[in-house]
Amino acid sequence: MSVSGWIAVIVERNRTFHTITSAAEALDMLFTNWPVVSGTAFVLALEACAGTISGAVTQEDAQSAFLAAALDAKVAFTIT
């Protein structure tokens, strides 16, 4: 089920599956459990997810940026 405009993204990190259903959850994942902490895709995802707080960025755009960061970092994910 979609929450706040997100389609659930199941991310695998350190042999654990995490369900990400909002920009806030994605931002937490990026800050606490991400394999890279640099690069354009990572920074754009941070900015996009944080931008949803002020309404400057849509949830859908934040999700796209998060998925681009996942692809860039080679983080396995599934969209449900």
C-alpha atoms as a PDB file:
ATOM      1  CA  MET A   1       0.000   0.000   0.000  1.00  0.00           C
ATOM      2  CA  SER A   2       1.224   3.483  -0.825  1.00  0.00           C
ATOM      3  CA  VAL A   3       1.853   5.898   2.019  1.00  0.00           C
ATOM      4  CA  SER A   4       2.275   9.616   1.320  1.00  0.00           C
ATOM      5  CA  GLY A   5       2.476   8.975  -2.424  1.00  0.00           C
ATOM      6  CA  TRP A   6       5.232   6.343  -2.202  1.00  0.00           C
ATOM      7  CA  ILE A   7       5.101   2.868  -3.599  1.00  0.00           C
ATOM      8  CA  ALA A   8       6.668   0.574  -1.012  1.00  0.00           C
ATOM      9  CA  VAL A   9      10.340  -0.029  -1.702  1.00  0.00           C
ATOM     10  CA  ILE A  10      11.919  -3.064  -0.076  1.00  0.00           C
ATOM     11  CA  VAL A  11      15.627  -2.366   0.410  1.00  0.00           C
ATOM     12  CA  GLU A  12      18.124  -5.046   1.345  1.00  0.00           C
ATOM     13  CA  ARG A  13      20.997  -3.837   3.512  1.00  0.00           C
ATOM     14  CA  ASN A  14      23.270  -6.055   5.582  1.00  0.00           C
ATOM     15  CA  ARG A  15      21.063  -9.119   4.980  1.00  0.00           C
ATOM     16  CA  THR A  16      18.046  -7.304   6.406  1.00  0.00           C
ATOM     17  CA  PHE A  17      15.015  -6.109   4.476  1.00  0.00           C
ATOM     18  CA  HIS A  18      13.672  -2.614   5.161  1.00  0.00           C
ATOM     19  CA  THR A  19      10.336  -1.329   3.886  1.00  0.00           C
ATOM     20  CA  ILE A  20      10.559   2.305   2.828  1.00  0.00           C
ATOM     21  CA  THR A  21       7.181   3.990   2.344  1.00  0.00           C
ATOM     22  CA  SER A  22       7.963   7.694   2.703  1.00  0.00           C
ATOM     23  CA  ALA A  23      10.651  10.282   2.134  1.00  0.00           C
ATOM     24  CA  ALA A  24      11.214  10.455   5.898  1.00  0.00           C
ATOM     25  CA  GLU A  25      11.975   6.728   6.022  1.00  0.00           C
ATOM     26  CA  ALA A  26      14.231   7.036   2.979  1.00  0.00           C
ATOM     27  CA  LEU A  27      16.087   9.950   4.564  1.00  0.00           C
ATOM     28  CA  ASP A  28      16.643   7.909   7.712  1.00  0.00           C
ATOM     29  CA  MET A  29      17.971   5.013   5.624  1.00  0.00           C
ATOM     30  CA  LEU A  30      20.315   7.333   3.726  1.00  0.00           C
ATOM     31  CA  PHE A  31      21.693   8.807   6.956  1.00  0.00           C
ATOM     32  CA  THR A  32      22.005   5.632   9.010  1.00  0.00           C
ATOM     33  CA  ASN A  33      22.405   2.613   6.754  1.00  0.00           C
ATOM     34  CA  TRP A  34      23.739   3.585   3.330  1.00  0.00           C
ATOM     35  CA  PRO A  35      26.899   2.095   1.812  1.00  0.00           C
ATOM     36  CA  VAL A  36      28.144   5.377   0.316  1.00  0.00           C
ATOM     37  CA  VAL A  37      28.047   8.862   1.758  1.00  0.00           C
ATOM     38  CA  SER A  38      29.103  10.839  -1.280  1.00  0.00           C
ATOM     39  CA  GLY A  39      28.321  11.207  -4.935  1.00  0.00           C
ATOM     40  CA  THR A  40      25.749  13.077  -6.941  1.00  0.00           C
ATOM     41  CA  ALA A  41      22.929  10.522  -6.651  1.00  0.00           C
ATOM     42  CA  PHE A  42      23.350  10.276  -2.869  1.00  0.00           C
ATOM     43  CA  VAL A  43      23.355  14.053  -2.381  1.00  0.00           C
ATOM     44  CA  LEU A  44      20.370  14.542  -4.696  1.00  0.00           C
ATOM     45  CA  ALA A  45      18.432  11.876  -2.775  1.00  0.00           C
ATOM     46  CA  LEU A  46      19.221  13.549   0.546  1.00  0.00           C
ATOM     47  CA  GLU A  47      18.135  16.935  -0.811  1.00  0.00           C
ATOM     48  CA  ALA A  48      14.967  15.552  -2.404  1.00  0.00           C
ATOM     49  CA  CYS A  49      13.877  13.617   0.663  1.00  0.00           C
ATOM     50  CA  ALA A  50      14.583  16.564   2.941  1.00  0.00           C
ATOM     51  CA  GLY A  51      12.773  18.882   0.505  1.00  0.00           C
ATOM     52  CA  THR A  52       9.500  17.065   1.101  1.00  0.00           C
ATOM     53  CA  ILE A  53       9.398  18.519   4.613  1.00  0.00           C
ATOM     54  CA  SER A  54       8.955  22.063   3.288  1.00  0.00           C
ATOM     55  CA  GLY A  55       6.852  20.938   0.350  1.00  0.00           C
ATOM     56  CA  ALA A  56       9.492  21.991  -2.166  1.00  0.00           C
ATOM     57  CA  VAL A  57       9.765  18.422  -3.489  1.00  0.00           C
ATOM     58  CA  THR A  58       6.967  15.922  -4.089  1.00  0.00           C
ATOM     59  CA  GLN A  59       7.012  12.487  -2.504  1.00  0.00           C
ATOM     60  CA  GLU A  60       7.146  10.979  -5.992  1.00  0.00           C
ATOM     61  CA  ASP A  61      10.216  13.020  -6.959  1.00  0.00           C
ATOM     62  CA  ALA A  62      11.885  12.083  -3.677  1.00  0.00           C
ATOM     63  CA  GLN A  63      11.193   8.418  -4.377  1.00  0.00           C
ATOM     64  CA  SER A  64      12.726   8.718  -7.845  1.00  0.00           C
ATOM     65  CA  ALA A  65      15.842  10.322  -6.369  1.00  0.00           C
ATOM     66  CA  PHE A  66      16.056   7.620  -3.691  1.00  0.00           C
ATOM     67  CA  LEU A  67      15.814   4.853  -6.292  1.00  0.00           C
ATOM     68  CA  ALA A  68      18.510   6.544  -8.394  1.00  0.00           C
ATOM     69  CA  ALA A  69      20.755   6.609  -5.316  1.00  0.00           C
ATOM     70  CA  ALA A  70      20.026   2.927  -4.699  1.00  0.00           C
ATOM     71  CA  LEU A  71      20.973   2.050  -8.276  1.00  0.00           C
ATOM     72  CA  ASP A  72      24.124   4.155  -8.034  1.00  0.00           C
ATOM     73  CA  ALA A  73      25.155   2.505  -4.742  1.00  0.00           C
ATOM     74  CA  LYS A  74      24.195  -0.968  -6.004  1.00  0.00           C
ATOM     75  CA  VAL A  75      21.680  -1.401  -3.182  1.00  0.00           C
ATOM     76  CA  ALA A  76      19.219  -4.169  -3.994  1.00  0.00           C
ATOM     77  CA  PHE A  77      15.564  -3.152  -3.921  1.00  0.00           C
ATOM     78  CA  THR A  78      12.121  -4.306  -4.990  1.00  0.00           C
ATOM     79  CA  ILE A  79       9.140  -2.079  -5.671  1.00  0.00           C
ATOM     80  CA  THR A  80       5.785  -3.432  -4.539  1.00  0.00           C
END
